[in-house]
């Protein structure tokens, strides 16, 4: 029986945005850990020649970050990890760590020797994750000469045959892996459709003043329609509230009247019984 293993890495859009924002807003270089989970799916197939094949597809999903601030918090300048300090820093999230990241400003986008040693040390200490499932992300920033454009570059790596090699990470809030585009929503509000029609009607007008006049007129018409609809709804709510108030008041009056009749009946019954006792 042959066994094939595939490893896929995924990261959520909010997690990636938070990671890049936290790195950009930091005052200096920093490092931290990637939080996530691992899931595996095993598929067994049997061919016509009765050959069994097993495919194990493992997905590493990154859904959170755990920054630790300045470098060398839990390791030395040579990349040696202090296990006691590392466990104190991670605490309860130790079992959820699937990788780590390093952020450096204005430098080459390449892995240093210290980061290579640190990656091996972290993989050794965090033994719950194997080498091919433990991911490393390097993030660097750069700016143009006049600081007009700032850019962030990030690359994910995974150890393969004692070397860190780049891996592909799919952003889960985008489309499927084969078409890396945003998903389109089929739910479009009616008001938005009306606005689209207004903009389409204005596209054919060459004069800008005339186009603005047409746009203003159409927008006012649409607002008048919405205002009349809102007024009708308010009138319905007010009428329903009045009917509810009148019905509750009628019930209260009937209840009081019923209680009064019962009181008079009980009094008459008491008088009749007293008169009968006096007669006898």
Protein backbone atom coordinates (compact mmCIF):
# COMPACT_ATOMS: atom_id res chain seq x y z
CA UNK A 1 0.00 0.00 0.00
CA UNK A 2 1.35 3.40 -0.99
CA UNK A 3 0.83 6.46 1.18
CA UNK A 4 0.81 10.04 -0.13
CA UNK A 5 0.89 13.08 2.11
CA UNK A 6 -0.18 16.61 1.17
CA UNK A 7 0.17 19.66 3.42
CA UNK A 8 -1.86 22.83 2.89
CA UNK A 9 -1.53 26.11 4.77
CA UNK A 10 -4.37 28.58 5.21
CA UNK A 11 -4.73 31.91 6.99
CA UNK A 12 -7.82 34.00 7.60
CA UNK A 13 -8.06 37.51 6.19
CA UNK A 14 -8.57 39.27 9.56
CA UNK A 15 -5.61 37.38 11.02
CA UNK A 16 -3.30 38.43 8.18
CA UNK A 17 -4.50 42.04 8.35
CA UNK A 18 -4.00 42.16 12.12
CA UNK A 19 -0.54 40.63 11.78
CA UNK A 20 0.63 43.20 9.21
CA UNK A 21 -0.94 46.11 11.09
CA UNK A 22 0.63 45.07 14.40
CA UNK A 23 4.05 44.80 12.77
CA UNK A 24 3.75 48.15 11.00
CA UNK A 25 2.61 49.95 14.18
CA UNK A 26 5.43 48.51 16.31
CA UNK A 27 8.23 50.85 17.32
CA UNK A 28 10.97 48.37 16.43
CA UNK A 29 11.54 44.82 15.24
CA UNK A 30 9.38 42.21 16.87
CA UNK A 31 8.53 38.55 16.81
CA UNK A 32 5.60 36.40 17.84
CA UNK A 33 3.76 33.15 17.32
CA UNK A 34 1.07 31.99 14.92
CA UNK A 35 -1.98 30.36 16.53
CA UNK A 36 -4.14 27.84 14.71
CA UNK A 37 -5.18 24.24 14.38
CA UNK A 38 -4.35 21.15 12.35
CA UNK A 39 -6.86 18.90 10.61
CA UNK A 40 -6.25 15.78 8.54
CA UNK A 41 -8.41 13.88 6.06
CA UNK A 42 -7.46 10.33 5.03
CA UNK A 43 -8.73 8.88 1.75
CA UNK A 44 -8.24 5.25 0.74
CA UNK A 45 -8.65 4.12 -2.86
CA UNK A 46 -8.40 0.68 -4.46
CA UNK A 47 -7.51 0.44 -8.14
CA UNK A 48 -8.62 -2.22 -10.63
CA UNK A 49 -5.39 -4.09 -10.01
CA UNK A 50 -6.34 -4.30 -6.31
CA UNK A 51 -3.59 -1.84 -5.37
CA UNK A 52 -4.42 0.14 -2.26
CA UNK A 53 -3.47 3.79 -2.07
CA UNK A 54 -3.87 6.03 0.96
CA UNK A 55 -3.81 9.81 0.73
CA UNK A 56 -3.46 11.95 3.85
CA UNK A 57 -4.32 15.62 3.32
CA UNK A 58 -3.33 17.82 6.25
CA UNK A 59 -4.46 21.44 6.54
CA UNK A 60 -2.82 23.94 8.88
CA UNK A 61 -5.26 26.79 9.56
CA UNK A 62 -3.78 29.99 11.03
CA UNK A 63 -6.45 32.05 12.76
CA UNK A 64 -4.62 34.15 15.36
CA UNK A 65 -1.36 35.77 16.41
CA UNK A 66 0.50 36.00 19.72
CA UNK A 67 3.07 38.84 19.64
CA UNK A 68 5.78 38.85 22.29
CA UNK A 69 7.22 42.29 21.58
CA UNK A 70 10.96 42.76 21.34
CA UNK A 71 13.26 39.97 20.15
CA UNK A 72 15.39 37.96 22.58
CA UNK A 73 12.54 37.71 25.11
CA UNK A 74 12.76 33.92 25.29
CA UNK A 75 15.98 33.31 23.34
CA UNK A 76 19.56 34.48 23.20
CA UNK A 77 21.21 36.49 20.44
CA UNK A 78 22.45 33.21 18.95
CA UNK A 79 18.95 31.75 18.69
CA UNK A 80 19.09 29.41 21.68
CA UNK A 81 15.69 29.05 23.37
CA UNK A 82 15.12 29.16 27.12
CA UNK A 83 12.40 26.50 27.58
CA UNK A 84 11.23 27.75 30.98
CA UNK A 85 10.82 31.34 29.81
CA UNK A 86 9.12 30.21 26.60
CA UNK A 87 6.53 28.14 28.47
CA UNK A 88 5.84 31.05 30.82
CA UNK A 89 5.35 33.41 27.86
CA UNK A 90 3.02 31.10 25.95
CA UNK A 91 1.02 29.79 28.89
CA UNK A 92 -2.21 28.10 27.85
CA UNK A 93 -1.75 28.72 24.10
CA UNK A 94 1.34 26.52 23.86
CA UNK A 95 -0.57 23.59 22.33
CA UNK A 96 -2.19 25.89 19.73
CA UNK A 97 1.06 27.24 18.28
CA UNK A 98 1.51 26.22 14.64
CA UNK A 99 4.38 28.56 13.77
CA UNK A 100 6.09 31.86 14.46
CA UNK A 101 6.95 35.10 12.67
CA UNK A 102 9.74 37.65 12.62
CA UNK A 103 9.38 41.29 11.61
CA UNK A 104 12.36 43.41 10.54
CA UNK A 105 12.51 46.94 9.16
CA UNK A 106 14.54 48.16 6.18
CA UNK A 107 16.51 44.99 5.55
CA UNK A 108 16.84 42.24 3.00
CA UNK A 109 13.95 39.84 2.68
CA UNK A 110 15.95 36.72 3.49
CA UNK A 111 16.28 34.33 6.42
CA UNK A 112 19.21 34.96 8.71
CA UNK A 113 21.32 32.25 10.33
CA UNK A 114 19.95 33.14 13.77
CA UNK A 115 16.37 32.72 12.52
CA UNK A 116 17.24 29.32 11.05
CA UNK A 117 18.66 28.16 14.38
CA UNK A 118 15.72 29.66 16.27
CA UNK A 119 13.25 27.82 14.02
CA UNK A 120 14.89 24.49 14.81
CA UNK A 121 14.97 25.29 18.52
CA UNK A 122 11.27 26.21 18.58
CA UNK A 123 10.36 23.07 16.68
CA UNK A 124 12.33 21.02 19.21
CA UNK A 125 10.73 22.65 22.26
CA UNK A 126 7.22 22.67 20.79
CA UNK A 127 7.34 18.96 20.04
CA UNK A 128 3.57 18.67 19.43
CA UNK A 129 4.11 19.97 15.89
CA UNK A 130 6.26 18.10 13.37
CA UNK A 131 8.80 19.77 11.10
CA UNK A 132 6.70 19.98 7.94
CA UNK A 133 3.69 21.37 9.85
CA UNK A 134 5.61 24.11 11.71
CA UNK A 135 5.55 27.30 9.63
CA UNK A 136 7.70 30.42 9.77
CA UNK A 137 6.73 33.84 8.38
CA UNK A 138 9.26 36.56 7.67
CA UNK A 139 7.92 40.11 7.32
CA UNK A 140 9.95 43.08 6.12
CA UNK A 141 9.08 46.67 5.35
CA UNK A 142 10.57 49.17 2.96
CA UNK A 143 9.90 52.71 1.75
CA UNK A 144 10.75 54.82 -1.26
CA UNK A 145 13.35 57.60 -1.19
CA UNK A 146 10.84 60.31 -0.28
CA UNK A 147 8.77 58.00 1.97
CA UNK A 148 5.86 58.35 -0.41
CA UNK A 149 5.17 54.63 -0.57
CA UNK A 150 5.54 52.11 2.23
CA UNK A 151 5.31 48.42 1.46
CA UNK A 152 5.16 45.22 3.49
CA UNK A 153 6.46 41.95 2.14
CA UNK A 154 5.84 38.59 3.78
CA UNK A 155 6.76 35.01 2.93
CA UNK A 156 5.90 31.76 4.68
CA UNK A 157 8.46 28.96 5.04
CA UNK A 158 8.35 25.34 6.13
CA UNK A 159 11.19 22.93 6.80
CA UNK A 160 11.72 20.32 4.11
CA UNK A 161 14.79 18.06 4.17
CA UNK A 162 16.57 20.23 6.76
CA UNK A 163 16.02 23.39 4.73
CA UNK A 164 13.46 26.16 5.00
CA UNK A 165 11.59 26.41 1.72
CA UNK A 166 8.79 28.83 0.75
CA UNK A 167 5.27 27.44 0.93
CA UNK A 168 1.99 28.66 -0.52
CA UNK A 169 -0.55 29.99 1.98
CA UNK A 170 -4.16 30.45 0.88
CA UNK A 171 -6.25 33.28 2.30
CA UNK A 172 -9.54 31.68 3.30
CA UNK A 173 -11.80 34.72 2.89
CA UNK A 174 -11.00 34.87 -0.82
CA UNK A 175 -12.36 32.55 -3.48
CA UNK A 176 -11.36 28.98 -4.11
CA UNK A 177 -7.62 28.21 -4.56
CA UNK A 178 -7.91 27.92 -8.34
CA UNK A 179 -9.32 31.47 -8.72
CA UNK A 180 -7.80 33.83 -6.20
CA UNK A 181 -10.57 36.43 -6.34
CA UNK A 182 -13.10 37.75 -3.86
CA UNK A 183 -16.41 35.95 -3.58
CA UNK A 184 -19.38 37.78 -5.03
CA UNK A 185 -22.55 38.20 -3.02
CA UNK A 186 -25.87 37.50 -4.70
CA UNK A 187 -27.84 39.44 -2.08
CA UNK A 188 -28.16 43.01 -3.41
CA UNK A 189 -30.54 45.49 -1.83
CA UNK A 190 -33.30 47.02 -3.95
CA UNK A 191 -32.15 50.54 -3.09
CA UNK A 192 -28.67 49.74 -4.33
CA UNK A 193 -30.13 48.43 -7.58
CA UNK A 194 -32.00 51.71 -8.03
CA UNK A 195 -28.79 53.66 -7.49
CA UNK A 196 -27.05 51.50 -10.07
CA UNK A 197 -29.77 52.33 -12.58
CA UNK A 198 -29.38 56.05 -11.84
CA UNK A 199 -25.62 55.93 -12.41
CA UNK A 200 -26.07 53.97 -15.62
CA UNK A 201 -28.51 56.58 -16.94
CA UNK A 202 -26.04 59.38 -16.19
CA UNK A 203 -23.13 57.68 -17.98
CA UNK A 204 -24.49 58.69 -21.41
CA UNK A 205 -24.57 62.43 -20.58
CA UNK A 206 -21.50 64.31 -21.80
CA UNK A 207 -22.11 67.63 -19.99
CA UNK A 208 -21.03 67.39 -16.35
CA UNK A 209 -23.53 70.00 -15.12
CA UNK A 210 -26.38 68.25 -16.88
CA UNK A 211 -25.22 64.92 -15.48
CA UNK A 212 -25.20 66.31 -11.94
CA UNK A 213 -28.67 67.79 -12.49
CA UNK A 214 -30.04 64.45 -13.73
CA UNK A 215 -28.39 62.62 -10.85
CA UNK A 216 -29.82 65.09 -8.31
CA UNK A 217 -33.32 64.78 -9.78
CA UNK A 218 -33.28 60.99 -9.81
CA UNK A 219 -31.93 60.84 -6.27
CA UNK A 220 -34.72 63.13 -5.03
CA UNK A 221 -37.32 60.93 -6.73
CA UNK A 222 -35.92 57.86 -5.05
CA UNK A 223 -35.84 59.63 -1.67
CA UNK A 224 -39.49 60.68 -2.09
CA UNK A 225 -40.43 57.06 -2.79
CA UNK A 226 -38.60 55.89 0.30
CA UNK A 227 -40.18 58.64 2.40
CA UNK A 228 -43.70 57.64 1.34
CA UNK A 229 -42.96 54.00 2.15
CA UNK A 230 -41.65 54.93 5.58
CA UNK A 231 -44.73 57.11 6.25
CA UNK A 232 -47.05 54.21 5.40
CA UNK A 233 -45.18 51.91 7.73
CA UNK A 234 -45.30 54.47 10.54
CA UNK A 235 -49.07 54.88 10.03
CA UNK A 236 -49.55 51.10 10.20
CA UNK A 237 -47.54 50.86 13.40
CA UNK A 238 -49.49 53.75 14.97
CA UNK A 239 -52.84 52.19 14.02
CA UNK A 240 -51.80 48.83 15.40
CA UNK A 241 -50.69 50.47 18.64
CA UNK A 242 -54.02 52.29 19.00
CA UNK A 243 -56.00 49.09 18.42
CA UNK A 244 -53.91 47.27 21.00
CA UNK A 245 -54.44 50.07 23.55
CA UNK A 246 -58.23 50.21 22.98
CA UNK A 247 -58.61 46.43 23.24
CA UNK A 248 -56.67 46.31 26.50
CA UNK A 249 -58.80 49.18 27.91
CA UNK A 250 -62.04 47.37 26.94
CA UNK A 251 -60.86 44.21 28.66
CA UNK A 252 -60.09 46.18 31.81
CA UNK A 253 -63.58 47.81 31.83
CA UNK A 254 -65.32 44.46 31.32
CA UNK A 255 -63.25 42.93 34.07
CA UNK A 256 -64.17 45.72 36.51
CA UNK A 257 -67.86 45.45 35.59
CA UNK A 258 -67.78 41.68 36.08
CA UNK A 259 -66.18 42.06 39.48
CA UNK A 260 -68.83 44.64 40.47
CA UNK A 261 -71.71 42.33 39.45
CA UNK A 262 -70.19 39.48 41.40
CA UNK A 263 -69.89 41.70 44.48
CA UNK A 264 -73.52 42.77 44.28
CA UNK A 265 -74.66 39.17 43.82
CA UNK A 266 -72.70 37.98 46.84
CA UNK A 267 -74.13 40.82 48.97
CA UNK A 268 -77.68 39.98 47.99
CA UNK A 269 -77.06 36.36 48.77
CA UNK A 270 -75.76 37.29 52.24
CA UNK A 271 -78.81 39.47 52.98
CA UNK A 272 -81.17 36.74 51.90
CA UNK A 273 -79.47 34.23 54.16
CA UNK A 274 -79.62 36.62 57.11
CA UNK A 275 -83.30 37.29 56.57
CA UNK A 276 -84.01 33.60 56.43
CA UNK A 277 -82.17 33.00 59.70
CA UNK A 278 -84.17 35.75 61.43
CA UNK A 279 -87.44 34.29 60.19
CA UNK A 280 -86.60 30.88 61.61
